[in-house]
């Protein structure tokens, strides 16, 4: 895939767009913890970290192949949550299928971690909130990866996919608020 190889030679963007800082460094919640623990997704239901998508693409199912519990607890308080969605391929609909990863975390500094060249990034709005998007190399198919970061108060939400069309990822993002 020559387009992906060409992309690998471009430096990843590191900077701020629409008040959201993109970095290649790992970014999570911004609090110090004495004790970490993990829990099921329902542990975050009564918090701003709740993840319950109202839109699931055709051929999509909630759940993925994570081998760990999806909520991180810091001193008993949820500080991050995650959910995967699997979208089945459908050759007749020209759909590759793939995984959509949703990650929500408490980070008032509005940082998100991604390694994508600068020419693909732009400011957008998702459900009335400040956001940035790195559109895939081929938006219609999703090939080349999509990354969306949304700031909502002190909560950051990121949605990413390698092969699901951008419009489907955008709809999932809109359906989280």
Protein backbone atom coordinates (compact mmCIF):
# COMPACT_ATOMS: atom_id res chain seq x y z
CA UNK A 1 0.00 0.00 0.00
CA UNK A 2 2.13 2.86 -1.25
CA UNK A 3 -0.07 5.60 0.23
CA UNK A 4 0.44 4.23 3.75
CA UNK A 5 4.18 3.88 3.17
CA UNK A 6 4.37 7.49 1.96
CA UNK A 7 2.50 8.59 5.08
CA UNK A 8 5.03 6.85 7.33
CA UNK A 9 7.74 9.19 6.01
CA UNK A 10 5.83 12.30 7.09
CA UNK A 11 6.40 13.58 10.63
CA UNK A 12 3.44 13.31 13.01
CA UNK A 13 1.67 16.52 13.94
CA UNK A 14 2.30 17.83 17.43
CA UNK A 15 0.51 21.04 18.33
CA UNK A 16 -2.80 22.62 19.24
CA UNK A 17 -5.89 22.89 17.02
CA UNK A 18 -9.21 24.22 18.26
CA UNK A 19 -7.87 24.26 21.84
CA UNK A 20 -6.98 20.55 21.77
CA UNK A 21 -3.31 19.56 21.93
CA UNK A 22 -2.25 16.59 19.85
CA UNK A 23 0.92 14.81 20.94
CA UNK A 24 2.62 11.50 20.16
CA UNK A 25 3.17 10.97 23.90
CA UNK A 26 0.82 8.80 25.94
CA UNK A 27 -2.00 10.87 27.40
CA UNK A 28 -4.53 9.81 29.96
CA UNK A 29 -6.18 11.41 32.97
CA UNK A 30 -4.43 14.25 34.77
CA UNK A 31 -4.55 13.25 38.42
CA UNK A 32 -2.17 11.49 40.77
CA UNK A 33 -3.36 8.18 42.22
CA UNK A 34 -2.33 6.17 45.23
CA UNK A 35 -4.24 3.09 44.12
CA UNK A 36 -5.38 1.94 40.66
CA UNK A 37 -8.12 -0.56 40.02
CA UNK A 38 -10.27 -1.64 37.07
CA UNK A 39 -13.98 -2.15 36.61
CA UNK A 40 -16.73 -2.97 34.16
CA UNK A 41 -18.16 -0.21 31.97
CA UNK A 42 -21.25 0.18 34.18
CA UNK A 43 -18.97 1.54 36.96
CA UNK A 44 -18.78 4.76 34.91
CA UNK A 45 -22.53 4.98 34.16
CA UNK A 46 -23.27 7.73 36.67
CA UNK A 47 -20.22 9.79 35.64
CA UNK A 48 -19.16 11.98 32.72
CA UNK A 49 -17.09 9.00 31.53
CA UNK A 50 -20.24 7.04 30.59
CA UNK A 51 -20.04 5.54 27.09
CA UNK A 52 -23.36 4.53 25.54
CA UNK A 53 -23.39 5.16 21.79
CA UNK A 54 -26.77 5.97 20.28
CA UNK A 55 -25.50 5.25 16.75
CA UNK A 56 -24.03 1.94 15.64
CA UNK A 57 -23.06 1.57 11.95
CA UNK A 58 -24.74 -1.09 9.79
CA UNK A 59 -23.09 -4.41 10.55
CA UNK A 60 -21.81 -3.05 13.86
CA UNK A 61 -21.81 -4.64 17.28
CA UNK A 62 -20.66 -3.31 20.61
CA UNK A 63 -17.79 -5.18 22.15
CA UNK A 64 -14.33 -6.05 21.10
CA UNK A 65 -11.35 -8.12 21.92
CA UNK A 66 -10.01 -6.27 24.97
CA UNK A 67 -8.43 -8.59 27.52
CA UNK A 68 -8.92 -6.18 30.43
CA UNK A 69 -11.69 -4.32 32.18
CA UNK A 70 -12.66 -1.11 30.39
CA UNK A 71 -12.79 1.39 33.29
CA UNK A 72 -9.72 2.62 35.18
CA UNK A 73 -10.33 3.68 38.77
CA UNK A 74 -8.05 6.07 40.65
CA UNK A 75 -8.53 5.80 44.40
CA UNK A 76 -11.99 4.36 43.70
CA UNK A 77 -13.07 7.06 41.23
CA UNK A 78 -13.42 6.33 37.49
CA UNK A 79 -10.87 8.33 35.49
CA UNK A 80 -11.09 6.65 32.08
CA UNK A 81 -13.37 4.32 30.16
CA UNK A 82 -13.26 2.63 26.79
CA UNK A 83 -15.48 0.73 24.42
CA UNK A 84 -14.90 -1.05 21.12
CA UNK A 85 -17.33 -1.48 18.27
CA UNK A 86 -16.79 -4.05 15.54
CA UNK A 87 -18.21 -3.36 12.07
CA UNK A 88 -18.56 -6.38 9.77
CA UNK A 89 -17.21 -6.17 6.25
CA UNK A 90 -19.73 -6.23 3.42
CA UNK A 91 -18.30 -6.49 -0.11
CA UNK A 92 -21.68 -5.75 -1.71
CA UNK A 93 -21.89 -2.43 0.20
CA UNK A 94 -18.17 -1.76 -0.52
CA UNK A 95 -17.50 -1.77 3.24
CA UNK A 96 -14.20 -3.07 4.62
CA UNK A 97 -15.44 -3.25 8.19
CA UNK A 98 -13.13 -2.94 11.16
CA UNK A 99 -13.04 -1.63 14.70
CA UNK A 100 -14.07 1.71 16.17
CA UNK A 101 -12.33 2.46 19.46
CA UNK A 102 -13.87 4.95 21.90
CA UNK A 103 -11.84 6.25 24.82
CA UNK A 104 -13.06 8.79 27.36
CA UNK A 105 -10.87 10.25 30.10
CA UNK A 106 -10.66 13.09 32.60
CA UNK A 107 -8.10 15.55 31.20
CA UNK A 108 -8.86 19.24 31.71
CA UNK A 109 -5.71 20.14 29.76
CA UNK A 110 -7.37 18.78 26.57
CA UNK A 111 -4.55 16.54 25.36
CA UNK A 112 -4.98 13.63 22.95
CA UNK A 113 -2.39 11.16 21.67
CA UNK A 114 -2.06 10.30 17.97
CA UNK A 115 0.71 9.86 15.44
CA UNK A 116 -0.75 11.29 12.23
CA UNK A 117 0.79 13.83 9.80
CA UNK A 118 -0.33 17.45 10.04
CA UNK A 119 -1.98 17.78 6.62
CA UNK A 120 -4.82 15.46 7.73
CA UNK A 121 -5.85 17.46 10.84
CA UNK A 122 -8.58 20.09 11.02
CA UNK A 123 -10.91 21.75 13.53
CA UNK A 124 -14.53 20.62 13.56
CA UNK A 125 -17.52 20.61 15.88
CA UNK A 126 -19.12 17.41 17.17
CA UNK A 127 -22.51 17.71 18.87
CA UNK A 128 -21.82 21.39 19.62
CA UNK A 129 -18.41 20.68 21.19
CA UNK A 130 -14.88 21.68 20.16
CA UNK A 131 -13.18 18.89 18.31
CA UNK A 132 -10.34 18.03 15.95
CA UNK A 133 -10.26 15.35 13.30
CA UNK A 134 -7.59 13.57 11.32
CA UNK A 135 -9.49 12.35 8.28
CA UNK A 136 -8.52 9.05 6.68
CA UNK A 137 -6.46 8.98 3.51
CA UNK A 138 -9.54 7.58 1.73
CA UNK A 139 -12.60 9.02 3.57
CA UNK A 140 -15.18 6.94 1.68
CA UNK A 141 -13.65 3.65 2.81
CA UNK A 142 -11.94 4.76 6.00
CA UNK A 143 -8.64 3.30 4.85
CA UNK A 144 -5.78 5.31 6.26
CA UNK A 145 -7.38 5.83 9.64
CA UNK A 146 -9.67 8.36 11.31
CA UNK A 147 -9.03 10.00 14.66
CA UNK A 148 -11.46 12.37 16.39
CA UNK A 149 -10.77 14.17 19.71
CA UNK A 150 -13.58 16.05 21.46
CA UNK A 151 -13.28 18.38 24.46
CA UNK A 152 -16.29 18.54 26.77
CA UNK A 153 -15.47 20.39 29.98
CA UNK A 154 -12.67 18.43 31.65
CA UNK A 155 -13.54 15.25 29.73
CA UNK A 156 -11.76 14.23 26.55
CA UNK A 157 -13.27 11.70 24.17
CA UNK A 158 -11.33 10.11 21.33
CA UNK A 159 -12.75 7.91 18.61
CA UNK A 160 -10.48 6.12 16.16
CA UNK A 161 -10.73 3.59 13.37
CA UNK A 162 -8.41 2.28 10.68
CA UNK A 163 -10.96 1.11 8.11
CA UNK A 164 -14.45 2.43 8.90
CA UNK A 165 -15.58 5.36 6.69
CA UNK A 166 -15.18 8.82 8.20
CA UNK A 167 -18.92 9.64 8.06
CA UNK A 168 -19.72 6.53 10.08
CA UNK A 169 -17.09 7.41 12.70
CA UNK A 170 -18.47 10.97 12.83
CA UNK A 171 -22.00 9.64 13.44
CA UNK A 172 -20.73 7.44 16.27
CA UNK A 173 -18.98 10.49 17.77
CA UNK A 174 -22.15 12.62 17.51
CA UNK A 175 -24.14 9.82 19.17
CA UNK A 176 -21.95 9.88 22.28
CA UNK A 177 -23.37 13.22 23.48
